Amino acid sequence: MFALGLALAAFVAFVAGVAHDLRSFSNAVFLGLALALGALGVAERLAGTHDRTAHLLLLALVLLAAAGPFFAALYRSEEHTSELQSHHD
């Protein structure tokens, strides 16, 4: 439950950061952190079960946590590209 609370706090920080400065790198960091902590929190709850469906969901969450930094990098890369284009114009 602790990881889910931290994930929620990181997501709130992400939303607040986007509202304040859309192009900030910290937004990408908070998004990746929220995704990873959220997956960890849910995985923590699913790990104690003996249900096959729960274990498949756990595997999907582990894959999501592994892909979280990739999505955060894509978010930042897209912003960086648009920033470079605006400086070029």
Protein backbone atom coordinates (compact mmCIF):
# COMPACT_ATOMS: atom_id res chain seq x y z
CA MET A 1 0.00 0.00 0.00
CA PHE A 2 2.96 2.30 0.67
CA ALA A 3 4.13 2.09 -2.96
CA LEU A 4 0.66 3.02 -4.23
CA GLY A 5 0.65 6.10 -1.99
CA LEU A 6 4.04 7.14 -3.34
CA ALA A 7 2.83 6.51 -6.90
CA LEU A 8 -0.14 8.79 -6.31
CA ALA A 9 2.14 11.50 -4.90
CA ALA A 10 4.48 11.20 -7.91
CA PHE A 11 1.51 11.41 -10.30
CA VAL A 12 0.19 14.52 -8.53
CA ALA A 13 3.68 16.05 -8.83
CA PHE A 14 3.65 15.16 -12.56
CA VAL A 15 0.25 16.83 -13.12
CA ALA A 16 1.31 19.91 -11.13
CA GLY A 17 4.56 20.06 -13.11
CA VAL A 18 2.76 19.86 -16.43
CA ALA A 19 0.43 22.65 -15.34
CA HIS A 20 3.42 24.78 -14.33
CA ASP A 21 5.94 24.02 -17.11
CA LEU A 22 5.05 21.63 -19.91
CA ARG A 23 8.63 21.25 -21.12
CA SER A 24 10.32 20.38 -17.83
CA PHE A 25 12.44 17.23 -17.64
CA SER A 26 11.22 16.64 -14.09
CA ASN A 27 7.75 15.95 -15.54
CA ALA A 28 9.15 12.94 -17.40
CA VAL A 29 10.89 11.77 -14.25
CA PHE A 30 7.72 12.04 -12.17
CA LEU A 31 5.71 10.20 -14.83
CA GLY A 32 8.20 7.33 -14.94
CA LEU A 33 8.34 7.21 -11.16
CA ALA A 34 4.54 7.17 -10.85
CA LEU A 35 4.26 4.33 -13.38
CA ALA A 36 6.99 2.26 -11.74
CA LEU A 37 5.73 2.77 -8.18
CA GLY A 38 2.14 2.11 -9.23
CA ALA A 39 3.15 -1.15 -10.86
CA LEU A 40 5.20 -2.09 -7.81
CA GLY A 41 2.28 -1.39 -5.48
CA VAL A 42 -0.14 -3.47 -7.50
CA ALA A 43 2.46 -6.22 -7.93
CA GLU A 44 2.91 -6.27 -4.16
CA ARG A 45 -0.79 -6.97 -3.73
CA LEU A 46 -0.93 -9.57 -6.51
CA ALA A 47 2.18 -11.47 -5.40
CA GLY A 48 0.41 -12.85 -2.35
CA THR A 49 -2.35 -14.49 -4.36
CA HIS A 50 -2.34 -17.97 -5.89
CA ASP A 51 -4.66 -17.12 -8.79
CA ARG A 52 -3.31 -17.72 -12.32
CA THR A 53 -5.00 -14.58 -13.65
CA ALA A 54 -3.37 -12.53 -10.91
CA HIS A 55 0.04 -13.93 -11.84
CA LEU A 56 -0.50 -13.02 -15.51
CA LEU A 57 -1.50 -9.53 -14.45
CA LEU A 58 1.61 -9.40 -12.28
CA LEU A 59 3.73 -10.27 -15.33
CA ALA A 60 2.03 -7.51 -17.34
CA LEU A 61 2.74 -5.01 -14.55
CA VAL A 62 6.40 -6.00 -14.42
CA LEU A 63 6.61 -5.40 -18.16
CA LEU A 64 4.89 -2.04 -17.71
CA ALA A 65 7.37 -1.07 -15.00
CA ALA A 66 10.23 -2.04 -17.28
CA ALA A 67 8.74 0.04 -20.10
CA GLY A 68 8.02 3.07 -17.86
CA PRO A 69 11.41 4.75 -18.38
CA PHE A 70 11.05 4.19 -22.13
CA PHE A 71 7.70 6.03 -22.16
CA ALA A 72 9.15 8.82 -20.04
CA ALA A 73 12.05 9.17 -22.49
CA LEU A 74 9.61 9.32 -25.41
CA TYR A 75 7.68 12.07 -23.62
CA ARG A 76 10.87 14.08 -23.14
CA SER A 77 12.13 13.37 -26.66
CA GLU A 78 8.90 14.66 -28.21
CA GLU A 79 9.11 17.85 -26.16
CA HIS A 80 12.78 18.31 -27.03
CA THR A 81 12.03 17.90 -30.74
CA SER A 82 9.23 20.47 -30.62
CA GLU A 83 11.52 22.84 -28.68
CA LEU A 84 14.21 22.50 -31.33
CA GLN A 85 11.65 23.13 -34.08
CA SER A 86 10.41 26.29 -32.35
CA HIS A 87 13.99 27.61 -32.10
CA HIS A 88 14.55 26.84 -35.77
CA ASP A 89 11.48 28.82 -36.93
